[in-house]
């Protein structure tokens, strides 16, 4: 079962500091690990772990996406995934595996599940989409925080005070800009696609 993905142009995600997204490839077959790294390193800061043990050592809070082989000797992909959750690493995880999915993936803490073999386009689309979904979530959090502040001010201040406040007008403008940005990102990834995969 290869996951159908929405094609996205690499680099369409706007990161706060314009830095490249950080991707950890975890794969115990060296040739696949290197192939996946080559697929992605043009657009992303890619780190490569040649198995679960090395992956455990390379988990860090600055990761954006982890591409994780499920069946590996010594430390499995499931164990690495559990460690990601245990440490509270805030990243998106896609299982890239030869193991056909079963109902156990329902409770698995991954965001996507792709069955090998995968093409260059498959892998890039998955990473691009997960990066974009992260951006969408970040913007939604910002929007919610600003809307809550607006609600408080609307309750506590008079209409004339709100109209005369430059700070409040700036807040209104920021909310409108975020709403437009979120709508654009939502169209890019498709709300059906987001709810299907996440």
N, C-alpha and C. Protein backbone atom coordinates (compact mmCIF):
# COMPACT_ATOMS: atom_id res chain seq x y z
N UNK A 1 0.85 -1.18 0.00
CA UNK A 1 0.00 0.00 0.00
C UNK A 1 0.89 1.24 0.00
N UNK A 2 1.08 1.83 -1.14
CA UNK A 2 1.82 3.08 -1.18
C UNK A 2 0.85 4.21 -0.91
N UNK A 3 1.25 5.12 -0.05
CA UNK A 3 0.39 6.22 0.33
C UNK A 3 0.29 7.21 -0.81
N UNK A 4 -0.91 7.63 -1.15
CA UNK A 4 -1.10 8.67 -2.14
C UNK A 4 -0.76 10.00 -1.49
N UNK A 5 0.06 10.77 -2.14
CA UNK A 5 0.49 12.02 -1.55
C UNK A 5 0.13 13.19 -2.44
N UNK A 6 0.06 14.36 -1.85
CA UNK A 6 -0.20 15.59 -2.60
C UNK A 6 1.14 16.19 -2.98
N UNK A 7 1.41 16.35 -4.30
CA UNK A 7 2.71 16.91 -4.69
C UNK A 7 2.87 18.34 -4.18
N UNK A 8 3.97 18.62 -3.55
CA UNK A 8 4.28 19.96 -3.08
C UNK A 8 5.65 20.34 -3.61
N UNK A 9 5.82 21.60 -3.93
CA UNK A 9 7.13 22.06 -4.35
C UNK A 9 8.07 22.10 -3.15
N UNK A 10 9.25 21.50 -3.25
CA UNK A 10 10.19 21.58 -2.14
C UNK A 10 10.49 23.03 -1.79
N UNK A 11 10.61 23.29 -0.50
CA UNK A 11 10.93 24.63 -0.07
C UNK A 11 9.76 25.57 0.02
N UNK A 12 8.50 25.06 -0.17
CA UNK A 12 7.34 25.94 -0.10
C UNK A 12 7.00 26.30 1.34
N UNK A 13 7.50 25.55 2.29
CA UNK A 13 7.21 25.83 3.69
C UNK A 13 8.05 27.02 4.14
N UNK A 14 7.41 27.99 4.77
CA UNK A 14 8.12 29.15 5.28
C UNK A 14 8.52 28.89 6.72
N UNK A 15 9.80 28.69 6.95
CA UNK A 15 10.29 28.48 8.31
C UNK A 15 10.65 29.82 8.90
N UNK A 16 10.48 29.93 10.21
CA UNK A 16 10.67 31.21 10.90
C UNK A 16 12.04 31.81 10.61
N UNK A 17 13.07 31.00 10.55
CA UNK A 17 14.41 31.54 10.35
C UNK A 17 14.96 31.20 8.97
N UNK A 18 14.08 30.79 8.04
CA UNK A 18 14.47 30.46 6.67
C UNK A 18 15.53 29.36 6.62
N UNK A 19 15.57 28.51 7.65
CA UNK A 19 16.54 27.42 7.65
C UNK A 19 15.87 26.18 7.05
N UNK A 20 16.71 25.27 6.59
CA UNK A 20 16.19 24.05 5.99
C UNK A 20 15.67 23.13 7.08
N UNK A 21 14.61 22.39 6.75
CA UNK A 21 14.06 21.44 7.69
C UNK A 21 15.07 20.34 7.99
N UNK A 22 15.01 19.81 9.20
CA UNK A 22 15.94 18.78 9.64
C UNK A 22 15.26 17.42 9.62
N UNK A 23 15.82 16.50 8.84
CA UNK A 23 15.24 15.18 8.64
C UNK A 23 16.24 14.12 9.09
N UNK A 24 15.76 13.17 9.89
CA UNK A 24 16.58 12.03 10.29
C UNK A 24 16.08 10.80 9.54
N UNK A 25 16.97 10.21 8.73
CA UNK A 25 16.67 8.97 8.02
C UNK A 25 17.20 7.82 8.88
N UNK A 26 16.31 6.89 9.23
CA UNK A 26 16.71 5.73 10.04
C UNK A 26 16.45 4.47 9.22
N UNK A 27 17.53 3.80 8.81
CA UNK A 27 17.42 2.65 7.92
C UNK A 27 18.64 1.76 8.12
N UNK A 28 18.41 0.46 8.41
CA UNK A 28 19.54 -0.42 8.70
C UNK A 28 20.21 -0.97 7.44
N UNK A 29 19.57 -0.86 6.29
CA UNK A 29 20.21 -1.26 5.04
C UNK A 29 20.97 -0.05 4.50
N UNK A 30 22.29 -0.14 4.52
CA UNK A 30 23.13 1.02 4.22
C UNK A 30 22.80 1.65 2.87
N UNK A 31 22.60 0.82 1.84
CA UNK A 31 22.36 1.37 0.51
C UNK A 31 21.05 2.16 0.46
N UNK A 32 20.03 1.70 1.20
CA UNK A 32 18.77 2.44 1.24
C UNK A 32 18.91 3.73 2.05
N UNK A 33 19.64 3.64 3.16
CA UNK A 33 19.86 4.83 3.98
C UNK A 33 20.53 5.92 3.15
N UNK A 34 21.54 5.53 2.38
CA UNK A 34 22.27 6.50 1.56
C UNK A 34 21.42 7.00 0.40
N UNK A 35 20.61 6.11 -0.17
CA UNK A 35 19.72 6.50 -1.26
C UNK A 35 18.69 7.52 -0.78
N UNK A 36 18.05 7.24 0.35
CA UNK A 36 17.04 8.17 0.89
C UNK A 36 17.68 9.53 1.24
N UNK A 37 18.90 9.47 1.78
CA UNK A 37 19.60 10.71 2.10
C UNK A 37 19.86 11.51 0.84
N UNK A 38 20.31 10.84 -0.21
CA UNK A 38 20.56 11.52 -1.49
C UNK A 38 19.27 12.12 -2.06
N UNK A 39 18.16 11.41 -1.89
CA UNK A 39 16.87 11.91 -2.38
C UNK A 39 16.52 13.28 -1.76
N UNK A 40 16.93 13.47 -0.52
CA UNK A 40 16.42 14.61 0.25
C UNK A 40 17.43 15.72 0.51
N UNK A 41 18.73 15.43 0.38
CA UNK A 41 19.71 16.39 0.90
C UNK A 41 19.81 17.68 0.09
N UNK A 42 19.20 17.73 -1.08
CA UNK A 42 19.20 18.98 -1.85
C UNK A 42 18.35 20.05 -1.16
N UNK A 43 17.27 19.62 -0.52
CA UNK A 43 16.31 20.57 0.06
C UNK A 43 16.27 20.57 1.58
N UNK A 44 16.83 19.55 2.20
CA UNK A 44 16.73 19.43 3.65
C UNK A 44 18.09 19.16 4.28
N UNK A 45 18.19 19.46 5.57
CA UNK A 45 19.37 19.11 6.37
C UNK A 45 19.14 17.67 6.83
N UNK A 46 19.78 16.72 6.15
CA UNK A 46 19.51 15.30 6.38
C UNK A 46 20.61 14.67 7.23
N UNK A 47 20.18 13.96 8.26
CA UNK A 47 21.08 13.17 9.09
C UNK A 47 20.72 11.70 8.88
N UNK A 48 21.69 10.83 8.96
CA UNK A 48 21.45 9.42 8.63
C UNK A 48 21.88 8.53 9.79
N UNK A 49 20.96 7.68 10.23
CA UNK A 49 21.24 6.68 11.26
C UNK A 49 21.11 5.30 10.63
N UNK A 50 22.18 4.51 10.73
CA UNK A 50 22.22 3.19 10.10
C UNK A 50 21.73 2.12 11.08
N UNK A 51 20.54 2.32 11.60
CA UNK A 51 19.95 1.36 12.52
C UNK A 51 19.36 2.04 13.74
N UNK A 52 18.62 1.26 14.51
CA UNK A 52 17.90 1.80 15.65
C UNK A 52 18.78 2.29 16.78
N UNK A 53 19.90 1.60 17.03
CA UNK A 53 20.79 2.02 18.11
C UNK A 53 21.34 3.41 17.82
N UNK A 54 21.82 3.61 16.59
CA UNK A 54 22.36 4.92 16.21
C UNK A 54 21.26 5.98 16.22
N UNK A 55 20.07 5.57 15.84
CA UNK A 55 18.95 6.52 15.83
C UNK A 55 18.67 7.05 17.23
N UNK A 56 18.72 6.16 18.22
CA UNK A 56 18.49 6.57 19.61
C UNK A 56 19.49 7.66 20.03
N UNK A 57 20.73 7.52 19.58
CA UNK A 57 21.77 8.48 19.92
C UNK A 57 21.58 9.81 19.18
N UNK A 58 20.92 9.77 18.04
CA UNK A 58 20.80 10.96 17.20
C UNK A 58 19.48 11.72 17.40
N UNK A 59 18.59 11.17 18.23
CA UNK A 59 17.34 11.88 18.48
C UNK A 59 17.63 13.20 19.18
N UNK A 60 17.07 14.27 18.67
CA UNK A 60 17.30 15.58 19.28
C UNK A 60 16.07 16.46 19.08
N UNK A 61 15.99 17.49 19.89
CA UNK A 61 14.80 18.35 19.90
C UNK A 61 14.67 19.21 18.65
N UNK A 62 15.74 19.30 17.84
CA UNK A 62 15.66 20.17 16.66
C UNK A 62 15.20 19.43 15.40
N UNK A 63 14.87 18.15 15.53
CA UNK A 63 14.39 17.40 14.36
C UNK A 63 12.99 17.83 13.96
N UNK A 64 12.74 17.86 12.65
CA UNK A 64 11.41 18.17 12.13
C UNK A 64 10.68 16.90 11.67
N UNK A 65 11.40 16.03 10.97
CA UNK A 65 10.80 14.80 10.43
C UNK A 65 11.77 13.65 10.64
N UNK A 66 11.22 12.48 11.02
CA UNK A 66 12.00 11.24 11.10
C UNK A 66 11.38 10.24 10.14
N UNK A 67 12.21 9.72 9.24
CA UNK A 67 11.79 8.63 8.35
C UNK A 67 12.35 7.35 8.95
N UNK A 68 11.47 6.45 9.34
CA UNK A 68 11.84 5.36 10.25
C UNK A 68 11.51 4.00 9.67
N UNK A 69 12.54 3.19 9.47
CA UNK A 69 12.34 1.79 9.08
C UNK A 69 11.75 1.06 10.29
N UNK A 70 10.76 0.24 10.05
CA UNK A 70 10.07 -0.40 11.17
C UNK A 70 10.79 -1.66 11.65
N UNK A 71 11.26 -2.47 10.72
CA UNK A 71 11.87 -3.74 11.09
C UNK A 71 13.38 -3.64 11.00
N UNK A 72 14.03 -3.50 12.16
CA UNK A 72 15.49 -3.42 12.23
C UNK A 72 15.97 -4.32 13.37
N UNK A 73 17.16 -4.91 13.23
CA UNK A 73 17.69 -5.75 14.31
C UNK A 73 18.10 -4.91 15.52
N UNK A 74 18.17 -5.55 16.66
CA UNK A 74 18.60 -4.96 17.94
C UNK A 74 17.57 -3.98 18.47
N UNK A 75 17.42 -2.84 17.81
CA UNK A 75 16.41 -1.85 18.21
C UNK A 75 15.50 -1.60 17.02
N UNK A 76 14.23 -1.94 17.15
CA UNK A 76 13.28 -1.83 16.04
C UNK A 76 12.78 -0.39 15.87
N UNK A 77 12.15 -0.16 14.73
CA UNK A 77 11.54 1.14 14.49
C UNK A 77 10.47 1.46 15.52
N UNK A 78 9.73 0.45 15.94
CA UNK A 78 8.70 0.66 16.97
C UNK A 78 9.33 1.16 18.28
N UNK A 79 10.51 0.61 18.61
CA UNK A 79 11.20 1.04 19.83
C UNK A 79 11.72 2.47 19.70
N UNK A 80 12.22 2.81 18.53
CA UNK A 80 12.68 4.18 18.29
C UNK A 80 11.49 5.14 18.40
N UNK A 81 10.36 4.74 17.82
CA UNK A 81 9.15 5.57 17.88
C UNK A 81 8.71 5.78 19.34
N UNK A 82 8.77 4.70 20.12
CA UNK A 82 8.41 4.81 21.54
C UNK A 82 9.36 5.76 22.27
N UNK A 83 10.63 5.73 21.90
CA UNK A 83 11.62 6.62 22.53
C UNK A 83 11.37 8.08 22.14
N UNK A 84 10.97 8.31 20.90
CA UNK A 84 10.61 9.67 20.45
C UNK A 84 9.48 10.20 21.32
N UNK A 85 8.47 9.36 21.54
CA UNK A 85 7.33 9.77 22.36
C UNK A 85 7.74 9.96 23.83
N UNK A 86 8.57 9.06 24.33
CA UNK A 86 9.03 9.12 25.73
C UNK A 86 9.80 10.41 26.01
N UNK A 87 10.66 10.78 25.06
CA UNK A 87 11.46 11.99 25.24
C UNK A 87 10.69 13.27 24.91
N UNK A 88 9.52 13.12 24.30
CA UNK A 88 8.73 14.29 23.92
C UNK A 88 9.33 15.07 22.77
N UNK A 89 10.03 14.37 21.86
CA UNK A 89 10.60 15.04 20.69
C UNK A 89 9.46 15.46 19.78
N UNK A 90 9.36 16.76 19.52
CA UNK A 90 8.25 17.30 18.73
C UNK A 90 8.59 17.26 17.24
N UNK A 91 8.46 16.08 16.65
CA UNK A 91 8.74 15.94 15.22
C UNK A 91 7.65 15.07 14.60
N UNK A 92 7.57 15.13 13.29
CA UNK A 92 6.68 14.25 12.54
C UNK A 92 7.43 12.97 12.20
N UNK A 93 6.72 11.84 12.21
CA UNK A 93 7.36 10.55 11.93
C UNK A 93 6.60 9.83 10.82
N UNK A 94 7.35 9.37 9.82
CA UNK A 94 6.78 8.51 8.78
C UNK A 94 7.51 7.18 8.83
N UNK A 95 6.75 6.11 8.97
CA UNK A 95 7.34 4.78 8.86
C UNK A 95 7.56 4.49 7.37
N UNK A 96 8.78 4.10 7.02
CA UNK A 96 9.11 3.71 5.65
C UNK A 96 9.59 2.27 5.75
N UNK A 97 8.74 1.33 5.36
CA UNK A 97 8.96 -0.06 5.77
C UNK A 97 8.44 -1.07 4.76
N UNK A 98 9.00 -2.26 4.83
CA UNK A 98 8.51 -3.37 4.01
C UNK A 98 7.37 -4.11 4.70
N UNK A 99 7.04 -3.72 5.93
CA UNK A 99 5.97 -4.39 6.69
C UNK A 99 4.63 -3.82 6.24
N UNK A 100 3.78 -4.69 5.68
CA UNK A 100 2.46 -4.23 5.28
C UNK A 100 1.68 -3.76 6.51
N UNK A 101 0.92 -2.69 6.36
CA UNK A 101 0.20 -2.16 7.52
C UNK A 101 -0.93 -3.09 7.95
N UNK A 102 -1.15 -3.15 9.24
CA UNK A 102 -2.28 -3.87 9.80
C UNK A 102 -2.98 -2.91 10.75
N UNK A 103 -4.01 -3.38 11.42
CA UNK A 103 -4.79 -2.50 12.29
C UNK A 103 -3.98 -1.94 13.46
N UNK A 104 -2.82 -2.53 13.72
CA UNK A 104 -2.00 -2.02 14.81
C UNK A 104 -1.48 -0.61 14.54
N UNK A 105 -1.48 -0.18 13.28
CA UNK A 105 -0.99 1.17 12.99
C UNK A 105 -1.94 2.24 13.51
N UNK A 106 -3.18 1.86 13.83
CA UNK A 106 -4.15 2.84 14.34
C UNK A 106 -3.63 3.50 15.61
N UNK A 107 -3.03 2.70 16.49
CA UNK A 107 -2.54 3.23 17.77
C UNK A 107 -1.05 3.59 17.73
N UNK A 108 -0.44 3.45 16.58
CA UNK A 108 0.97 3.76 16.44
C UNK A 108 1.15 5.28 16.34
N UNK A 109 2.13 5.81 17.04
CA UNK A 109 2.30 7.26 17.09
C UNK A 109 3.03 7.87 15.91
N UNK A 110 2.80 7.33 14.72
CA UNK A 110 3.43 7.92 13.54
C UNK A 110 2.39 8.71 12.76
N UNK A 111 2.87 9.61 11.91
CA UNK A 111 2.00 10.47 11.13
C UNK A 111 1.70 9.92 9.75
N UNK A 112 2.57 9.07 9.25
CA UNK A 112 2.39 8.51 7.91
C UNK A 112 3.03 7.12 7.88
N UNK A 113 2.63 6.32 6.91
CA UNK A 113 3.12 4.95 6.81
C UNK A 113 3.26 4.62 5.33
N UNK A 114 4.50 4.35 4.90
CA UNK A 114 4.76 4.11 3.49
C UNK A 114 5.42 2.75 3.35
N UNK A 115 4.92 1.97 2.39
CA UNK A 115 5.44 0.63 2.17
C UNK A 115 6.47 0.65 1.05
N UNK A 116 7.63 0.06 1.33
CA UNK A 116 8.69 -0.06 0.32
C UNK A 116 8.23 -0.96 -0.82
N UNK A 117 8.76 -0.77 -2.01
CA UNK A 117 9.78 0.21 -2.38
C UNK A 117 9.17 1.61 -2.55
N UNK A 118 9.97 2.63 -2.25
CA UNK A 118 9.52 4.01 -2.42
C UNK A 118 10.42 4.71 -3.42
N UNK A 119 9.82 5.59 -4.20
CA UNK A 119 10.58 6.35 -5.18
C UNK A 119 11.08 7.65 -4.56
N UNK A 120 11.94 8.32 -5.28
CA UNK A 120 12.40 9.65 -4.88
C UNK A 120 11.21 10.59 -4.66
N UNK A 121 10.27 10.57 -5.61
CA UNK A 121 9.10 11.45 -5.50
C UNK A 121 8.25 11.10 -4.29
N UNK A 122 8.06 9.79 -4.03
CA UNK A 122 7.29 9.37 -2.85
C UNK A 122 7.89 9.97 -1.58
N UNK A 123 9.20 9.81 -1.44
CA UNK A 123 9.87 10.24 -0.21
C UNK A 123 9.83 11.75 -0.05
N UNK A 124 10.12 12.46 -1.13
CA UNK A 124 10.13 13.92 -1.06
C UNK A 124 8.73 14.47 -0.77
N UNK A 125 7.71 13.86 -1.36
CA UNK A 125 6.34 14.33 -1.13
C UNK A 125 5.93 14.11 0.32
N UNK A 126 6.33 12.98 0.89
CA UNK A 126 6.00 12.71 2.29
C UNK A 126 6.65 13.74 3.20
N UNK A 127 7.94 13.98 3.01
CA UNK A 127 8.63 14.95 3.86
C UNK A 127 8.07 16.35 3.66
N UNK A 128 7.86 16.73 2.41
CA UNK A 128 7.29 18.06 2.12
C UNK A 128 5.94 18.23 2.80
N UNK A 129 5.11 17.20 2.71
CA UNK A 129 3.77 17.30 3.30
C UNK A 129 3.85 17.39 4.82
N UNK A 130 4.69 16.57 5.45
CA UNK A 130 4.79 16.61 6.90
C UNK A 130 5.35 17.94 7.39
N UNK A 131 6.29 18.51 6.65
CA UNK A 131 6.80 19.84 6.99
C UNK A 131 5.69 20.89 6.88
N UNK A 132 4.89 20.77 5.84
CA UNK A 132 3.81 21.74 5.64
C UNK A 132 2.74 21.60 6.71
N UNK A 133 2.43 20.37 7.10
CA UNK A 133 1.46 20.15 8.17
C UNK A 133 1.96 20.76 9.48
N UNK A 134 3.26 20.63 9.74
CA UNK A 134 3.84 21.24 10.94
C UNK A 134 3.68 22.76 10.89
N UNK A 135 3.95 23.33 9.73
CA UNK A 135 3.79 24.78 9.56
C UNK A 135 2.34 25.19 9.80
N UNK A 136 1.42 24.39 9.30
CA UNK A 136 -0.01 24.65 9.48
C UNK A 136 -0.37 24.65 10.97
N UNK A 137 0.11 23.64 11.68
CA UNK A 137 -0.15 23.54 13.12
C UNK A 137 0.43 24.72 13.89
N UNK A 138 1.65 25.12 13.52
CA UNK A 138 2.30 26.26 14.18
C UNK A 138 1.49 27.53 13.97
N UNK A 139 1.05 27.74 12.74
CA UNK A 139 0.26 28.94 12.44
C UNK A 139 -1.09 28.91 13.15
N UNK A 140 -1.68 27.74 13.27
CA UNK A 140 -2.96 27.63 13.98
C UNK A 140 -2.80 27.99 15.45
N UNK A 141 -1.68 27.57 16.05
CA UNK A 141 -1.43 27.93 17.45
C UNK A 141 -1.27 29.44 17.61
N UNK A 142 -0.52 30.05 16.67
CA UNK A 142 -0.35 31.50 16.72
C UNK A 142 -1.69 32.21 16.59
N UNK A 143 -2.51 31.74 15.65
CA UNK A 143 -3.81 32.36 15.42
C UNK A 143 -4.70 32.23 16.65
N UNK A 144 -4.72 31.06 17.25
CA UNK A 144 -5.54 30.85 18.44
C UNK A 144 -5.12 31.79 19.57
N UNK A 145 -3.81 31.93 19.79
CA UNK A 145 -3.32 32.82 20.84
C UNK A 145 -3.74 34.26 20.59
N UNK A 146 -3.63 34.71 19.35
CA UNK A 146 -4.01 36.09 19.04
C UNK A 146 -5.52 36.30 19.15
N UNK A 147 -6.29 35.32 18.73
CA UNK A 147 -7.75 35.45 18.85
C UNK A 147 -8.18 35.52 20.32
N UNK A 148 -7.53 34.74 21.17
CA UNK A 148 -7.87 34.77 22.60
C UNK A 148 -7.57 36.15 23.20
N UNK A 149 -6.43 36.73 22.82
CA UNK A 149 -6.10 38.08 23.30
C UNK A 149 -7.12 39.09 22.81
N UNK A 150 -7.52 38.96 21.54
CA UNK A 150 -8.53 39.86 20.99
C UNK A 150 -9.84 39.74 21.76
N UNK A 151 -10.23 38.51 22.07
CA UNK A 151 -11.48 38.29 22.80
C UNK A 151 -11.45 38.95 24.17
N UNK A 152 -10.31 38.83 24.85
CA UNK A 152 -10.18 39.44 26.18
C UNK A 152 -10.33 40.96 26.07
N UNK A 153 -9.65 41.55 25.11
CA UNK A 153 -9.70 43.01 24.95
C UNK A 153 -11.10 43.48 24.56
N UNK A 154 -11.78 42.69 23.73
CA UNK A 154 -13.13 43.07 23.32
C UNK A 154 -14.10 43.05 24.50
N UNK A 155 -13.84 42.18 25.46
CA UNK A 155 -14.68 42.11 26.66
C UNK A 155 -14.34 43.25 27.62
N UNK A 156 -13.05 43.55 27.77
CA UNK A 156 -12.59 44.48 28.79
C UNK A 156 -12.54 45.94 28.35
N UNK A 157 -12.49 46.20 27.05
CA UNK A 157 -12.34 47.58 26.56
C UNK A 157 -13.60 48.02 25.79
N UNK A 158 -13.82 49.30 25.77
CA UNK A 158 -14.97 49.85 25.03
C UNK A 158 -14.67 49.87 23.54
N UNK A 159 -15.71 50.01 22.73
CA UNK A 159 -15.54 50.06 21.27
C UNK A 159 -14.64 51.22 20.86
N UNK A 160 -14.80 52.36 21.51
CA UNK A 160 -13.98 53.52 21.15
C UNK A 160 -12.52 53.28 21.53
N UNK A 161 -12.27 52.64 22.68
CA UNK A 161 -10.89 52.34 23.06
C UNK A 161 -10.24 51.38 22.06
N UNK A 162 -11.01 50.41 21.61
CA UNK A 162 -10.49 49.45 20.63
C UNK A 162 -10.16 50.15 19.31
N UNK A 163 -11.06 51.03 18.87
CA UNK A 163 -10.85 51.74 17.60
C UNK A 163 -9.62 52.64 17.66
N UNK A 164 -9.37 53.23 18.81
CA UNK A 164 -8.27 54.19 18.95
C UNK A 164 -6.92 53.54 19.25
N UNK A 165 -6.92 52.26 19.54
CA UNK A 165 -5.68 51.58 19.91
C UNK A 165 -4.93 51.08 18.68
N UNK A 166 -3.71 51.60 18.50
CA UNK A 166 -2.87 51.12 17.40
C UNK A 166 -2.48 49.66 17.62
N UNK A 167 -2.25 49.30 18.88
CA UNK A 167 -1.89 47.91 19.19
C UNK A 167 -3.01 46.95 18.81
N UNK A 168 -4.25 47.35 19.11
CA UNK A 168 -5.38 46.48 18.78
C UNK A 168 -5.56 46.37 17.26
N UNK A 169 -5.36 47.47 16.55
CA UNK A 169 -5.47 47.43 15.09
C UNK A 169 -4.38 46.53 14.49
N UNK A 170 -3.18 46.59 15.10
CA UNK A 170 -2.11 45.71 14.64
C UNK A 170 -2.47 44.24 14.89
N UNK A 171 -3.06 43.97 16.05
CA UNK A 171 -3.50 42.62 16.37
C UNK A 171 -4.53 42.12 15.36
N UNK A 172 -5.48 42.99 15.02
CA UNK A 172 -6.50 42.62 14.03
C UNK A 172 -5.85 42.30 12.68
N UNK A 173 -4.86 43.10 12.31
CA UNK A 173 -4.16 42.88 11.05
C UNK A 173 -3.39 41.56 11.07
N UNK A 174 -2.74 41.27 12.20
CA UNK A 174 -1.99 40.01 12.33
C UNK A 174 -2.94 38.82 12.23
N UNK A 175 -4.10 38.92 12.83
CA UNK A 175 -5.09 37.84 12.77
C UNK A 175 -5.53 37.62 11.33
N UNK A 176 -5.81 38.70 10.61
CA UNK A 176 -6.24 38.57 9.21
C UNK A 176 -5.14 37.94 8.36
N UNK A 177 -3.88 38.35 8.60
CA UNK A 177 -2.76 37.79 7.83
C UNK A 177 -2.60 36.30 8.11
N UNK A 178 -2.70 35.92 9.39
CA UNK A 178 -2.58 34.51 9.75
C UNK A 178 -3.72 33.69 9.16
N UNK A 179 -4.92 34.22 9.18
CA UNK A 179 -6.06 33.50 8.60
C UNK A 179 -5.84 33.24 7.11
N UNK A 180 -5.31 34.25 6.40
CA UNK A 180 -5.04 34.09 4.97
C UNK A 180 -3.94 33.06 4.73
N UNK A 181 -2.90 33.12 5.57
CA UNK A 181 -1.78 32.17 5.42
C UNK A 181 -2.25 30.74 5.70
N UNK A 182 -3.05 30.57 6.74
CA UNK A 182 -3.55 29.24 7.08
C UNK A 182 -4.45 28.70 5.98
N UNK A 183 -5.26 29.56 5.42
CA UNK A 183 -6.13 29.12 4.32
C UNK A 183 -5.30 28.66 3.13
N UNK A 184 -4.23 29.41 2.82
CA UNK A 184 -3.37 29.04 1.69
C UNK A 184 -2.67 27.71 1.95
N UNK A 185 -2.15 27.53 3.17
CA UNK A 185 -1.48 26.26 3.50
C UNK A 185 -2.49 25.13 3.47
N UNK A 186 -3.70 25.37 3.98
CA UNK A 186 -4.74 24.34 3.98
C UNK A 186 -5.09 23.90 2.58
N UNK A 187 -5.14 24.86 1.64
CA UNK A 187 -5.42 24.50 0.24
C UNK A 187 -4.27 23.69 -0.35
N UNK A 188 -3.05 24.04 0.05
CA UNK A 188 -1.87 23.35 -0.48
C UNK A 188 -1.85 21.88 -0.06
N UNK A 189 -2.14 21.62 1.20
CA UNK A 189 -2.09 20.23 1.67
C UNK A 189 -3.44 19.55 1.57
N UNK A 190 -4.51 20.31 1.47
CA UNK A 190 -5.85 19.72 1.39
C UNK A 190 -6.32 19.24 2.74
N UNK A 191 -7.43 19.74 3.22
CA UNK A 191 -7.89 19.33 4.53
C UNK A 191 -8.21 17.86 4.58
N UNK A 192 -8.71 17.29 3.48
CA UNK A 192 -8.98 15.85 3.46
C UNK A 192 -7.70 15.07 3.64
N UNK A 193 -6.62 15.56 3.00
CA UNK A 193 -5.34 14.86 3.09
C UNK A 193 -4.81 14.90 4.52
N UNK A 194 -4.94 16.05 5.17
CA UNK A 194 -4.45 16.18 6.54
C UNK A 194 -5.22 15.24 7.46
N UNK A 195 -6.53 15.25 7.38
CA UNK A 195 -7.31 14.42 8.29
C UNK A 195 -7.14 12.94 7.96
N UNK A 196 -6.80 12.62 6.71
CA UNK A 196 -6.59 11.22 6.34
C UNK A 196 -5.30 10.69 6.94
N UNK A 197 -4.25 11.51 6.92
CA UNK A 197 -2.93 11.02 7.32
C UNK A 197 -2.63 11.25 8.79
N UNK A 198 -3.29 12.21 9.43
CA UNK A 198 -2.89 12.55 10.79
C UNK A 198 -3.99 12.24 11.79
